[in-house]
């Protein structure tokens, strides 16, 4: 989640500066095609269409990282509420009913009715 928000901030900085790096393209097995340094940076004033395309890629990637992090965080928090050993355990109705039944049985053993 933090990586997503950091890259979103970095994208805002790139947008403000008017230059960004070209997203690496995958060109085969275990290699990246954009190893040439002349293709590494796109400047908005020189090539506005390539800059816009690169920024769209960067914004989408960063947003997906941030949203994925938020989803994983929410899943983790919901699991914390379900774990009986967690301090955030919310309990559940079945456990409460079982505890009530056990308390009734214990009370009956302490004070049996004649």
PDB file of N, CA and C in Angstrom:
ATOM      1  N   UNK A   1       0.839  -1.176   0.000  1.00  0.00           N
ATOM      2  CA  UNK A   1       0.000   0.000   0.000  1.00  0.00           C
ATOM      3  C   UNK A   1       0.890   1.247   0.000  1.00  0.00           C
ATOM      4  N   UNK A   2       1.932   1.219   0.819  1.00  0.00           N
ATOM      5  CA  UNK A   2       2.827   2.369   0.894  1.00  0.00           C
ATOM      6  C   UNK A   2       3.541   2.589  -0.437  1.00  0.00           C
ATOM      7  N   UNK A   3       3.932   1.505  -1.083  1.00  0.00           N
ATOM      8  CA  UNK A   3       4.602   1.631  -2.383  1.00  0.00           C
ATOM      9  C   UNK A   3       3.667   2.284  -3.398  1.00  0.00           C
ATOM     10  N   UNK A   4       2.408   1.899  -3.377  1.00  0.00           N
ATOM     11  CA  UNK A   4       1.427   2.493  -4.280  1.00  0.00           C
ATOM     12  C   UNK A   4       1.281   3.988  -4.062  1.00  0.00           C
ATOM     13  N   UNK A   5       1.201   4.404  -2.790  1.00  0.00           N
ATOM     14  CA  UNK A   5       1.064   5.834  -2.514  1.00  0.00           C
ATOM     15  C   UNK A   5       2.345   6.608  -2.833  1.00  0.00           C
ATOM     16  N   UNK A   6       3.491   5.991  -2.599  1.00  0.00           N
ATOM     17  CA  UNK A   6       4.750   6.660  -2.950  1.00  0.00           C
ATOM     18  C   UNK A   6       4.884   6.837  -4.457  1.00  0.00           C
ATOM     19  N   UNK A   7       4.507   5.811  -5.214  1.00  0.00           N
ATOM     20  CA  UNK A   7       4.597   5.949  -6.672  1.00  0.00           C
ATOM     21  C   UNK A   7       3.552   6.928  -7.205  1.00  0.00           C
ATOM     22  N   UNK A   8       2.397   7.034  -6.547  1.00  0.00           N
ATOM     23  CA  UNK A   8       1.431   8.059  -6.945  1.00  0.00           C
ATOM     24  C   UNK A   8       2.018   9.453  -6.733  1.00  0.00           C
ATOM     25  N   UNK A   9       2.691   9.648  -5.609  1.00  0.00           N
ATOM     26  CA  UNK A   9       3.330  10.946  -5.358  1.00  0.00           C
ATOM     27  C   UNK A   9       4.443  11.204  -6.379  1.00  0.00           C
ATOM     28  N   UNK A  10       5.206  10.179  -6.694  1.00  0.00           N
ATOM     29  CA  UNK A  10       6.275  10.315  -7.693  1.00  0.00           C
ATOM     30  C   UNK A  10       5.692  10.674  -9.060  1.00  0.00           C
ATOM     31  N   UNK A  11       4.549  10.068  -9.396  1.00  0.00           N
ATOM     32  CA  UNK A  11       3.894  10.387 -10.668  1.00  0.00           C
ATOM     33  C   UNK A  11       3.448  11.840 -10.710  1.00  0.00           C
ATOM     34  N   UNK A  12       2.944  12.337  -9.600  1.00  0.00           N
ATOM     35  CA  UNK A  12       2.562  13.748  -9.536  1.00  0.00           C
ATOM     36  C   UNK A  12       3.761  14.652  -9.760  1.00  0.00           C
ATOM     37  N   UNK A  13       4.894  14.280  -9.189  1.00  0.00           N
ATOM     38  CA  UNK A  13       6.127  15.046  -9.381  1.00  0.00           C
ATOM     39  C   UNK A  13       6.559  15.007 -10.846  1.00  0.00           C
ATOM     40  N   UNK A  14       6.500  13.821 -11.461  1.00  0.00           N
ATOM     41  CA  UNK A  14       6.856  13.701 -12.886  1.00  0.00           C
ATOM     42  C   UNK A  14       5.926  14.540 -13.748  1.00  0.00           C
ATOM     43  N   UNK A  15       4.648  14.528 -13.429  1.00  0.00           N
ATOM     44  CA  UNK A  15       3.666  15.311 -14.193  1.00  0.00           C
ATOM     45  C   UNK A  15       3.987  16.804 -14.065  1.00  0.00           C
ATOM     46  N   UNK A  16       4.341  17.238 -12.876  1.00  0.00           N
ATOM     47  CA  UNK A  16       4.684  18.640 -12.637  1.00  0.00           C
ATOM     48  C   UNK A  16       5.960  19.036 -13.389  1.00  0.00           C
ATOM     49  N   UNK A  17       6.964  18.155 -13.380  1.00  0.00           N
ATOM     50  CA  UNK A  17       8.230  18.441 -14.044  1.00  0.00           C
ATOM     51  C   UNK A  17       8.129  18.371 -15.567  1.00  0.00           C
ATOM     52  N   UNK A  18       7.219  17.560 -16.063  1.00  0.00           N
ATOM     53  CA  UNK A  18       7.055  17.431 -17.510  1.00  0.00           C
ATOM     54  C   UNK A  18       7.971  16.411 -18.149  1.00  0.00           C
ATOM     55  N   UNK A  19       8.540  15.530 -17.350  1.00  0.00           N
ATOM     56  CA  UNK A  19       9.367  14.453 -17.904  1.00  0.00           C
ATOM     57  C   UNK A  19       9.184  13.203 -17.051  1.00  0.00           C
ATOM     58  N   UNK A  20       9.231  12.068 -17.717  1.00  0.00           N
ATOM     59  CA  UNK A  20       9.061  10.795 -17.018  1.00  0.00           C
ATOM     60  C   UNK A  20       9.873   9.723 -17.720  1.00  0.00           C
ATOM     61  N   UNK A  21      10.021   8.613 -17.054  1.00  0.00           N
ATOM     62  CA  UNK A  21      10.740   7.498 -17.668  1.00  0.00           C
ATOM     63  C   UNK A  21       9.779   6.668 -18.505  1.00  0.00           C
ATOM     64  N   UNK A  22      10.323   6.058 -19.539  1.00  0.00           N
ATOM     65  CA  UNK A  22       9.524   5.190 -20.390  1.00  0.00           C
ATOM     66  C   UNK A  22       9.334   3.862 -19.660  1.00  0.00           C
ATOM     67  N   UNK A  23       8.096   3.350 -19.609  1.00  0.00           N
ATOM     68  CA  UNK A  23       7.894   2.050 -18.983  1.00  0.00           C
ATOM     69  C   UNK A  23       8.664   0.971 -19.731  1.00  0.00           C
ATOM     70  N   UNK A  24       9.297   0.083 -18.984  1.00  0.00           N
ATOM     71  CA  UNK A  24      10.061  -1.003 -19.596  1.00  0.00           C
ATOM     72  C   UNK A  24       9.105  -1.968 -20.276  1.00  0.00           C
ATOM     73  N   UNK A  25       9.468  -2.396 -21.466  1.00  0.00           N
ATOM     74  CA  UNK A  25       8.643  -3.366 -22.185  1.00  0.00           C
ATOM     75  C   UNK A  25       9.343  -4.708 -22.173  1.00  0.00           C
ATOM     76  N   UNK A  26       8.582  -5.723 -22.021  1.00  0.00           N
ATOM     77  CA  UNK A  26       9.120  -7.074 -21.956  1.00  0.00           C
ATOM     78  C   UNK A  26       9.294  -7.603 -23.367  1.00  0.00           C
ATOM     79  N   UNK A  27      10.522  -8.050 -23.724  1.00  0.00           N
ATOM     80  CA  UNK A  27      10.761  -8.463 -25.101  1.00  0.00           C
ATOM     81  C   UNK A  27      11.174  -9.916 -25.239  1.00  0.00           C
ATOM     82  N   UNK A  28      10.945 -10.697 -24.278  1.00  0.00           N
ATOM     83  CA  UNK A  28      11.332 -12.094 -24.402  1.00  0.00           C
ATOM     84  C   UNK A  28      11.608 -12.694 -23.048  1.00  0.00           C
ATOM     85  N   UNK A  29      12.259 -13.803 -23.094  1.00  0.00           N
ATOM     86  CA  UNK A  29      12.496 -14.556 -21.877  1.00  0.00           C
ATOM     87  C   UNK A  29      13.529 -13.859 -20.992  1.00  0.00           C
ATOM     88  N   UNK A  30      13.111 -13.435 -19.832  1.00  0.00           N
ATOM     89  CA  UNK A  30      13.954 -12.863 -18.784  1.00  0.00           C
ATOM     90  C   UNK A  30      14.730 -11.624 -19.216  1.00  0.00           C
ATOM     91  N   UNK A  31      14.195 -10.802 -20.097  1.00  0.00           N
ATOM     92  CA  UNK A  31      14.910  -9.593 -20.496  1.00  0.00           C
ATOM     93  C   UNK A  31      13.928  -8.453 -20.705  1.00  0.00           C
ATOM     94  N   UNK A  32      14.454  -7.250 -20.665  1.00  0.00           N
ATOM     95  CA  UNK A  32      13.659  -6.056 -20.919  1.00  0.00           C
ATOM     96  C   UNK A  32      14.226  -5.334 -22.133  1.00  0.00           C
ATOM     97  N   UNK A  33      13.356  -4.826 -22.992  1.00  0.00           N
ATOM     98  CA  UNK A  33      13.779  -4.225 -24.255  1.00  0.00           C
ATOM     99  C   UNK A  33      14.316  -2.818 -24.075  1.00  0.00           C
ATOM    100  N   UNK A  34      13.846  -2.072 -23.085  1.00  0.00           N
ATOM    101  CA  UNK A  34      14.228  -0.667 -22.978  1.00  0.00           C
ATOM    102  C   UNK A  34      15.521  -0.492 -22.181  1.00  0.00           C
ATOM    103  N   UNK A  35      16.557  -1.183 -22.586  1.00  0.00           N
ATOM    104  CA  UNK A  35      17.846  -1.021 -21.923  1.00  0.00           C
ATOM    105  C   UNK A  35      18.647   0.128 -22.535  1.00  0.00           C
ATOM    106  N   UNK A  36      18.224   0.621 -23.695  1.00  0.00           N
ATOM    107  CA  UNK A  36      18.889   1.738 -24.349  1.00  0.00           C
ATOM    108  C   UNK A  36      18.593   3.021 -23.582  1.00  0.00           C
ATOM    109  N   UNK A  37      19.617   3.769 -23.202  1.00  0.00           N
ATOM    110  CA  UNK A  37      19.429   4.968 -22.377  1.00  0.00           C
ATOM    111  C   UNK A  37      18.756   6.109 -23.144  1.00  0.00           C
ATOM    112  N   UNK A  38      18.818   6.111 -24.488  1.00  0.00           N
ATOM    113  CA  UNK A  38      18.186   7.184 -25.246  1.00  0.00           C
ATOM    114  C   UNK A  38      16.663   7.077 -25.210  1.00  0.00           C
ATOM    115  N   UNK A  39      16.140   5.896 -24.946  1.00  0.00           N
ATOM    116  CA  UNK A  39      14.694   5.722 -24.865  1.00  0.00           C
ATOM    117  C   UNK A  39      14.194   5.822 -23.430  1.00  0.00           C
ATOM    118  N   UNK A  40      15.041   6.152 -22.487  1.00  0.00           N
ATOM    119  CA  UNK A  40      14.689   6.092 -21.078  1.00  0.00           C
ATOM    120  C   UNK A  40      13.814   7.212 -20.566  1.00  0.00           C
ATOM    121  N   UNK A  41      13.838   8.402 -21.187  1.00  0.00           N
ATOM    122  CA  UNK A  41      13.089   9.541 -20.655  1.00  0.00           C
ATOM    123  C   UNK A  41      12.255  10.161 -21.771  1.00  0.00           C
ATOM    124  N   UNK A  42      11.021  10.508 -21.413  1.00  0.00           N
ATOM    125  CA  UNK A  42      10.125  11.197 -22.345  1.00  0.00           C
ATOM    126  C   UNK A  42       9.855  12.580 -21.773  1.00  0.00           C
ATOM    127  N   UNK A  43      10.008  13.595 -22.612  1.00  0.00           N
ATOM    128  CA  UNK A  43       9.777  14.977 -22.182  1.00  0.00           C
ATOM    129  C   UNK A  43       8.476  15.454 -22.817  1.00  0.00           C
ATOM    130  N   UNK A  44       7.651  16.088 -22.012  1.00  0.00           N
ATOM    131  CA  UNK A  44       6.319  16.504 -22.443  1.00  0.00           C
ATOM    132  C   UNK A  44       6.368  17.484 -23.617  1.00  0.00           C
ATOM    133  N   UNK A  45       7.291  18.433 -23.592  1.00  0.00           N
ATOM    134  CA  UNK A  45       7.366  19.439 -24.660  1.00  0.00           C
ATOM    135  C   UNK A  45       7.864  18.846 -25.970  1.00  0.00           C
ATOM    136  N   UNK A  46       8.690  17.793 -25.889  1.00  0.00           N
ATOM    137  CA  UNK A  46       9.259  17.187 -27.095  1.00  0.00           C
ATOM    138  C   UNK A  46       8.271  16.219 -27.739  1.00  0.00           C
ATOM    139  N   UNK A  47       7.674  15.338 -26.943  1.00  0.00           N
ATOM    140  CA  UNK A  47       6.753  14.324 -27.462  1.00  0.00           C
ATOM    141  C   UNK A  47       5.563  14.169 -26.507  1.00  0.00           C
ATOM    142  N   UNK A  48       4.546  15.047 -26.656  1.00  0.00           N
ATOM    143  CA  UNK A  48       3.436  15.046 -25.708  1.00  0.00           C
ATOM    144  C   UNK A  48       2.622  13.742 -25.713  1.00  0.00           C
ATOM    145  N   UNK A  49       2.477  13.110 -26.871  1.00  0.00           N
ATOM    146  CA  UNK A  49       1.683  11.873 -26.929  1.00  0.00           C
ATOM    147  C   UNK A  49       2.385  10.729 -26.201  1.00  0.00           C
ATOM    148  N   UNK A  50       3.680  10.579 -26.409  1.00  0.00           N
ATOM    149  CA  UNK A  50       4.424   9.530 -25.712  1.00  0.00           C
ATOM    150  C   UNK A  50       4.459   9.807 -24.209  1.00  0.00           C
ATOM    151  N   UNK A  51       4.570  11.084 -23.841  1.00  0.00           N
ATOM    152  CA  UNK A  51       4.554  11.444 -22.427  1.00  0.00           C
ATOM    153  C   UNK A  51       3.212  11.078 -21.799  1.00  0.00           C
ATOM    154  N   UNK A  52       2.120  11.416 -22.478  1.00  0.00           N
ATOM    155  CA  UNK A  52       0.784  11.121 -21.956  1.00  0.00           C
ATOM    156  C   UNK A  52       0.598   9.608 -21.813  1.00  0.00           C
ATOM    157  N   UNK A  53       1.033   8.829 -22.814  1.00  0.00           N
ATOM    158  CA  UNK A  53       0.908   7.370 -22.738  1.00  0.00           C
ATOM    159  C   UNK A  53       1.721   6.790 -21.584  1.00  0.00           C
ATOM    160  N   UNK A  54       2.931   7.306 -21.404  1.00  0.00           N
ATOM    161  CA  UNK A  54       3.769   6.818 -20.304  1.00  0.00           C
ATOM    162  C   UNK A  54       3.146   7.173 -18.958  1.00  0.00           C
ATOM    163  N   UNK A  55       2.599   8.383 -18.855  1.00  0.00           N
ATOM    164  CA  UNK A  55       1.992   8.785 -17.589  1.00  0.00           C
ATOM    165  C   UNK A  55       0.720   7.985 -17.304  1.00  0.00           C
ATOM    166  N   UNK A  56      -0.057   7.658 -18.322  1.00  0.00           N
ATOM    167  CA  UNK A  56      -1.241   6.820 -18.112  1.00  0.00           C
ATOM    168  C   UNK A  56      -0.823   5.464 -17.563  1.00  0.00           C
ATOM    169  N   UNK A  57       0.216   4.900 -18.135  1.00  0.00           N
ATOM    170  CA  UNK A  57       0.731   3.619 -17.634  1.00  0.00           C
ATOM    171  C   UNK A  57       1.166   3.748 -16.168  1.00  0.00           C
ATOM    172  N   UNK A  58       1.920   4.801 -15.857  1.00  0.00           N
ATOM    173  CA  UNK A  58       2.405   4.989 -14.486  1.00  0.00           C
ATOM    174  C   UNK A  58       1.250   5.199 -13.507  1.00  0.00           C
ATOM    175  N   UNK A  59       0.251   6.006 -13.897  1.00  0.00           N
ATOM    176  CA  UNK A  59      -0.892   6.260 -13.004  1.00  0.00           C
ATOM    177  C   UNK A  59      -1.689   4.984 -12.754  1.00  0.00           C
ATOM    178  N   UNK A  60      -1.920   4.204 -13.794  1.00  0.00           N
ATOM    179  CA  UNK A  60      -2.696   2.966 -13.632  1.00  0.00           C
ATOM    180  C   UNK A  60      -1.933   1.973 -12.755  1.00  0.00           C
ATOM    181  N   UNK A  61      -0.655   1.812 -13.019  1.00  0.00           N
ATOM    182  CA  UNK A  61       0.157   0.878 -12.214  1.00  0.00           C
ATOM    183  C   UNK A  61       0.181   1.292 -10.747  1.00  0.00           C
ATOM    184  N   UNK A  62       0.397   2.562 -10.465  1.00  0.00           N
ATOM    185  CA  UNK A  62       0.447   3.039  -9.090  1.00  0.00           C
ATOM    186  C   UNK A  62      -0.899   2.905  -8.397  1.00  0.00           C
ATOM    187  N   UNK A  63      -1.964   3.206  -9.120  1.00  0.00           N
ATOM    188  CA  UNK A  63      -3.307   3.071  -8.539  1.00  0.00           C
ATOM    189  C   UNK A  63      -3.613   1.617  -8.211  1.00  0.00           C
ATOM    190  N   UNK A  64      -3.221   0.711  -9.099  1.00  0.00           N
ATOM    191  CA  UNK A  64      -3.461  -0.708  -8.832  1.00  0.00           C
ATOM    192  C   UNK A  64      -2.671  -1.187  -7.615  1.00  0.00           C
ATOM    193  N   UNK A  65      -1.446  -0.712  -7.459  1.00  0.00           N
ATOM    194  CA  UNK A  65      -0.652  -1.059  -6.279  1.00  0.00           C
ATOM    195  C   UNK A  65      -1.309  -0.544  -5.000  1.00  0.00           C
ATOM    196  N   UNK A  66      -1.772   0.693  -5.028  1.00  0.00           N
ATOM    197  CA  UNK A  66      -2.403   1.277  -3.843  1.00  0.00           C
ATOM    198  C   UNK A  66      -3.714   0.562  -3.515  1.00  0.00           C
ATOM    199  N   UNK A  67      -4.547   0.312  -4.525  1.00  0.00           N
ATOM    200  CA  UNK A  67      -5.829  -0.372  -4.289  1.00  0.00           C
ATOM    201  C   UNK A  67      -5.595  -1.800  -3.820  1.00  0.00           C
ATOM    202  N   UNK A  68      -4.634  -2.484  -4.421  1.00  0.00           N
ATOM    203  CA  UNK A  68      -4.307  -3.839  -3.973  1.00  0.00           C
ATOM    204  C   UNK A  68      -3.839  -3.860  -2.523  1.00  0.00           C
ATOM    205  N   UNK A  69      -3.030  -2.878  -2.145  1.00  0.00           N
ATOM    206  CA  UNK A  69      -2.580  -2.785  -0.766  1.00  0.00           C
ATOM    207  C   UNK A  69      -3.720  -2.535   0.200  1.00  0.00           C
ATOM    208  N   UNK A  70      -4.656  -1.673  -0.192  1.00  0.00           N
ATOM    209  CA  UNK A  70      -5.815  -1.395   0.655  1.00  0.00           C
ATOM    210  C   UNK A  70      -6.669  -2.645   0.812  1.00  0.00           C
ATOM    211  N   UNK A  71      -6.877  -3.378  -0.281  1.00  0.00           N
ATOM    212  CA  UNK A  71      -7.669  -4.612  -0.209  1.00  0.00           C
ATOM    213  C   UNK A  71      -7.001  -5.627   0.705  1.00  0.00           C
ATOM    214  N   UNK A  72      -5.700  -5.811   0.567  1.00  0.00           N
ATOM    215  CA  UNK A  72      -4.988  -6.754   1.441  1.00  0.00           C
ATOM    216  C   UNK A  72      -5.031  -6.306   2.898  1.00  0.00           C
ATOM    217  N   UNK A  73      -4.951  -5.010   3.146  1.00  0.00           N
ATOM    218  CA  UNK A  73      -5.042  -4.493   4.508  1.00  0.00           C
ATOM    219  C   UNK A  73      -6.414  -4.785   5.109  1.00  0.00           C
ATOM    220  N   UNK A  74      -7.468  -4.576   4.312  1.00  0.00           N
ATOM    221  CA  UNK A  74      -8.834  -4.839   4.811  1.00  0.00           C
ATOM    222  C   UNK A  74      -9.033  -6.329   5.084  1.00  0.00           C
ATOM    223  N   UNK A  75      -8.498  -7.192   4.235  1.00  0.00           N
ATOM    224  CA  UNK A  75      -8.604  -8.636   4.469  1.00  0.00           C
ATOM    225  C   UNK A  75      -7.893  -9.004   5.754  1.00  0.00           C
ATOM    226  N   UNK A  76      -6.711  -8.443   5.970  1.00  0.00           N
ATOM    227  CA  UNK A  76      -5.962  -8.731   7.190  1.00  0.00           C
ATOM    228  C   UNK A  76      -6.723  -8.263   8.428  1.00  0.00           C
ATOM    229  N   UNK A  77      -7.316  -7.079   8.364  1.00  0.00           N
ATOM    230  CA  UNK A  77      -8.062  -6.568   9.512  1.00  0.00           C
ATOM    231  C   UNK A  77      -9.304  -7.406   9.790  1.00  0.00           C
ATOM    232  N   UNK A  78      -9.964  -7.885   8.745  1.00  0.00           N
ATOM    233  CA  UNK A  78     -11.153  -8.720   8.975  1.00  0.00           C
ATOM    234  C   UNK A  78     -10.757 -10.062   9.568  1.00  0.00           C
ATOM    235  N   UNK A  79      -9.598 -10.577   9.206  1.00  0.00           N
ATOM    236  CA  UNK A  79      -9.124 -11.833   9.786  1.00  0.00           C
ATOM    237  C   UNK A  79      -8.743 -11.649  11.255  1.00  0.00           C
ATOM    238  N   UNK A  80      -8.252 -10.482  11.615  1.00  0.00           N
ATOM    239  CA  UNK A  80      -7.915 -10.204  13.005  1.00  0.00           C
ATOM    240  C   UNK A  80      -9.156 -10.273  13.888  1.00  0.00           C
ATOM    241  N   UNK A  81     -10.294  -9.801  13.386  1.00  0.00           N
ATOM    242  CA  UNK A  81     -11.525  -9.838  14.178  1.00  0.00           C
ATOM    243  C   UNK A  81     -12.069 -11.245  14.339  1.00  0.00           C
ATOM    244  N   UNK A  82     -11.680 -12.154  13.451  1.00  0.00           N
ATOM    245  CA  UNK A  82     -12.167 -13.533  13.531  1.00  0.00           C
ATOM    246  C   UNK A  82     -11.263 -14.446  14.346  1.00  0.00           C
ATOM    247  N   UNK A  83     -10.042 -14.015  14.632  1.00  0.00           N
ATOM    248  CA  UNK A  83      -9.088 -14.834  15.363  1.00  0.00           C
ATOM    249  C   UNK A  83      -9.346 -14.729  16.866  1.00  0.00           C
ATOM    250  N   UNK A  84      -9.704 -15.844  17.544  1.00  0.00           N
ATOM    251  CA  UNK A  84     -10.015 -15.763  18.969  1.00  0.00           C
ATOM    252  C   UNK A  84      -8.825 -15.354  19.840  1.00  0.00           C
ATOM    253  N   UNK A  85      -7.607 -15.521  19.374  1.00  0.00           N
ATOM    254  CA  UNK A  85      -6.437 -15.154  20.162  1.00  0.00           C
ATOM    255  C   UNK A  85      -5.988 -13.708  19.918  1.00  0.00           C
ATOM    256  N   UNK A  86      -6.652 -13.023  19.014  1.00  0.00           N
ATOM    257  CA  UNK A  86      -6.300 -11.656  18.686  1.00  0.00           C
ATOM    258  C   UNK A  86      -6.924 -10.684  19.684  1.00  0.00           C
ATOM    259  N   UNK A  87      -6.236  -9.589  20.004  1.00  0.00           N
ATOM    260  CA  UNK A  87      -6.844  -8.597  20.899  1.00  0.00           C
ATOM    261  C   UNK A  87      -8.028  -7.870  20.260  1.00  0.00           C
ATOM    262  N   UNK A  88      -8.142  -7.932  18.933  1.00  0.00           N
ATOM    263  CA  UNK A  88      -9.250  -7.287  18.232  1.00  0.00           C
ATOM    264  C   UNK A  88     -10.431  -8.229  18.011  1.00  0.00           C
ATOM    265  N   UNK A  89     -10.418  -9.392  18.650  1.00  0.00           N
ATOM    266  CA  UNK A  89     -11.456 -10.392  18.418  1.00  0.00           C
ATOM    267  C   UNK A  89     -12.818  -9.812  18.758  1.00  0.00           C
ATOM    268  N   UNK A  90     -13.727  -9.872  17.793  1.00  0.00           N
ATOM    269  CA  UNK A  90     -15.057  -9.308  17.974  1.00  0.00           C
ATOM    270  C   UNK A  90     -16.042 -10.288  18.571  1.00  0.00           C
ATOM    271  N   UNK A  91     -15.662 -11.551  18.705  1.00  0.00           N
ATOM    272  CA  UNK A  91     -16.590 -12.556  19.210  1.00  0.00           C
ATOM    273  C   UNK A  91     -17.603 -12.918  18.145  1.00  0.00           C
ATOM    274  N   UNK A  92     -18.350 -13.955  18.439  1.00  0.00           N
ATOM    275  CA  UNK A  92     -19.459 -14.252  17.544  1.00  0.00           C
ATOM    276  C   UNK A  92     -20.578 -14.876  18.349  1.00  0.00           C
ATOM    277  N   UNK A  93     -21.714 -14.893  17.790  1.00  0.00           N
ATOM    278  CA  UNK A  93     -22.921 -15.298  18.512  1.00  0.00           C
ATOM    279  C   UNK A  93     -22.827 -16.735  18.998  1.00  0.00           C
ATOM    280  N   UNK A  94     -22.301 -17.637  18.207  1.00  0.00           N
ATOM    281  CA  UNK A  94     -22.205 -19.039  18.598  1.00  0.00           C
ATOM    282  C   UNK A  94     -21.306 -19.210  19.824  1.00  0.00           C
ATOM    283  N   UNK A  95     -20.200 -18.501  19.859  1.00  0.00           N
ATOM    284  CA  UNK A  95     -19.316 -18.582  21.023  1.00  0.00           C
ATOM    285  C   UNK A  95     -19.986 -18.004  22.265  1.00  0.00           C
ATOM    286  N   UNK A  96     -20.731 -16.928  22.104  1.00  0.00           N
ATOM    287  CA  UNK A  96     -21.435 -16.346  23.243  1.00  0.00           C
ATOM    288  C   UNK A  96     -22.502 -17.296  23.775  1.00  0.00           C
ATOM    289  N   UNK A  97     -23.230 -17.948  22.872  1.00  0.00           N
ATOM    290  CA  UNK A  97     -24.250 -18.906  23.301  1.00  0.00           C
ATOM    291  C   UNK A  97     -23.624 -20.100  24.010  1.00  0.00           C
ATOM    292  N   UNK A  98     -22.494 -20.575  23.501  1.00  0.00           N
ATOM    293  CA  UNK A  98     -21.795 -21.685  24.144  1.00  0.00           C
ATOM    294  C   UNK A  98     -21.323 -21.296  25.538  1.00  0.00           C
ATOM    295  N   UNK A  99     -20.834 -20.094  25.683  1.00  0.00           N
ATOM    296  CA  UNK A  99     -20.402 -19.626  26.999  1.00  0.00           C
ATOM    297  C   UNK A  99     -21.584 -19.539  27.962  1.00  0.00           C
ATOM    298  N   UNK A 100     -22.732 -19.077  27.497  1.00  0.00           N
ATOM    299  CA  UNK A 100     -23.925 -19.017  28.349  1.00  0.00           C
ATOM    300  C   UNK A 100     -24.347 -20.410  28.801  1.00  0.00           C
ATOM    301  N   UNK A 101     -24.319 -21.369  27.889  1.00  0.00           N
ATOM    302  CA  UNK A 101     -24.685 -22.747  28.237  1.00  0.00           C
ATOM    303  C   UNK A 101     -23.715 -23.324  29.254  1.00  0.00           C
ATOM    304  N   UNK A 102     -22.434 -23.074  29.069  1.00  0.00           N
ATOM    305  CA  UNK A 102     -21.440 -23.584  30.012  1.00  0.00           C
ATOM    306  C   UNK A 102     -21.605 -22.938  31.387  1.00  0.00           C
ATOM    307  N   UNK A 103     -21.920 -21.666  31.415  1.00  0.00           N
ATOM    308  CA  UNK A 103     -22.165 -20.994  32.694  1.00  0.00           C
ATOM    309  C   UNK A 103     -23.389 -21.568  33.397  1.00  0.00           C
ATOM    310  N   UNK A 104     -24.446 -21.894  32.654  1.00  0.00           N
ATOM    311  CA  UNK A 104     -25.648 -22.506  33.239  1.00  0.00           C
ATOM    312  C   UNK A 104     -25.322 -23.873  33.820  1.00  0.00           C
ATOM    313  N   UNK A 105     -24.570 -24.682  33.085  1.00  0.00           N
ATOM    314  CA  UNK A 105     -24.192 -26.010  33.580  1.00  0.00           C
ATOM    315  C   UNK A 105     -23.323 -25.910  34.827  1.00  0.00           C
ATOM    316  N   UNK A 106     -22.401 -24.968  34.834  1.00  0.00           N
ATOM    317  CA  UNK A 106     -21.541 -24.787  36.003  1.00  0.00           C
ATOM    318  C   UNK A 106     -22.367 -24.358  37.210  1.00  0.00           C
ATOM    319  N   UNK A 107     -23.314 -23.493  36.996  1.00  0.00           N
ATOM    320  CA  UNK A 107     -24.196 -23.048  38.074  1.00  0.00           C
ATOM    321  C   UNK A 107     -25.040 -24.202  38.597  1.00  0.00           C
ATOM    322  N   UNK A 108     -25.502 -25.077  37.707  1.00  0.00           N
ATOM    323  CA  UNK A 108     -26.296 -26.226  38.128  1.00  0.00           C
ATOM    324  C   UNK A 108     -25.430 -27.209  38.935  1.00  0.00           C
ATOM    325  N   UNK A 109     -24.200 -27.347  38.617  1.00  0.00           N
ATOM    326  CA  UNK A 109     -23.321 -28.246  39.383  1.00  0.00           C
ATOM    327  C   UNK A 109     -23.011 -27.665  40.758  1.00  0.00           C
ATOM    328  N   UNK A 110     -22.902 -26.359  40.858  1.00  0.00           N
ATOM    329  CA  UNK A 110     -22.633 -25.733  42.154  1.00  0.00           C
ATOM    330  C   UNK A 110     -23.847 -25.790  43.082  1.00  0.00           C
ATOM    331  N   UNK A 111     -24.993 -25.499  42.499  1.00  0.00           N
ATOM    332  CA  UNK A 111     -26.220 -25.468  43.290  1.00  0.00           C
ATOM    333  C   UNK A 111     -27.260 -26.387  42.663  1.00  0.00           C
ATOM    334  N   UNK A 112     -27.172 -27.668  42.931  1.00  0.00           N
ATOM    335  CA  UNK A 112     -28.166 -28.566  42.324  1.00  0.00           C
ATOM    336  C   UNK A 112     -29.566 -28.324  42.926  1.00  0.00           C
ATOM    337  N   UNK A 113     -30.555 -28.425  42.063  1.00  0.00           N
ATOM    338  CA  UNK A 113     -31.944 -28.237  42.507  1.00  0.00           C
ATOM    339  C   UNK A 113     -32.446 -29.555  43.128  1.00  0.00           C
ATOM    340  N   UNK A 114     -33.196 -29.472  44.237  1.00  0.00           N
ATOM    341  CA  UNK A 114     -33.683 -30.716  44.876  1.00  0.00           C
ATOM    342  C   UNK A 114     -34.797 -31.377  44.112  1.00  0.00           C
TER     343      UNK A 114
END
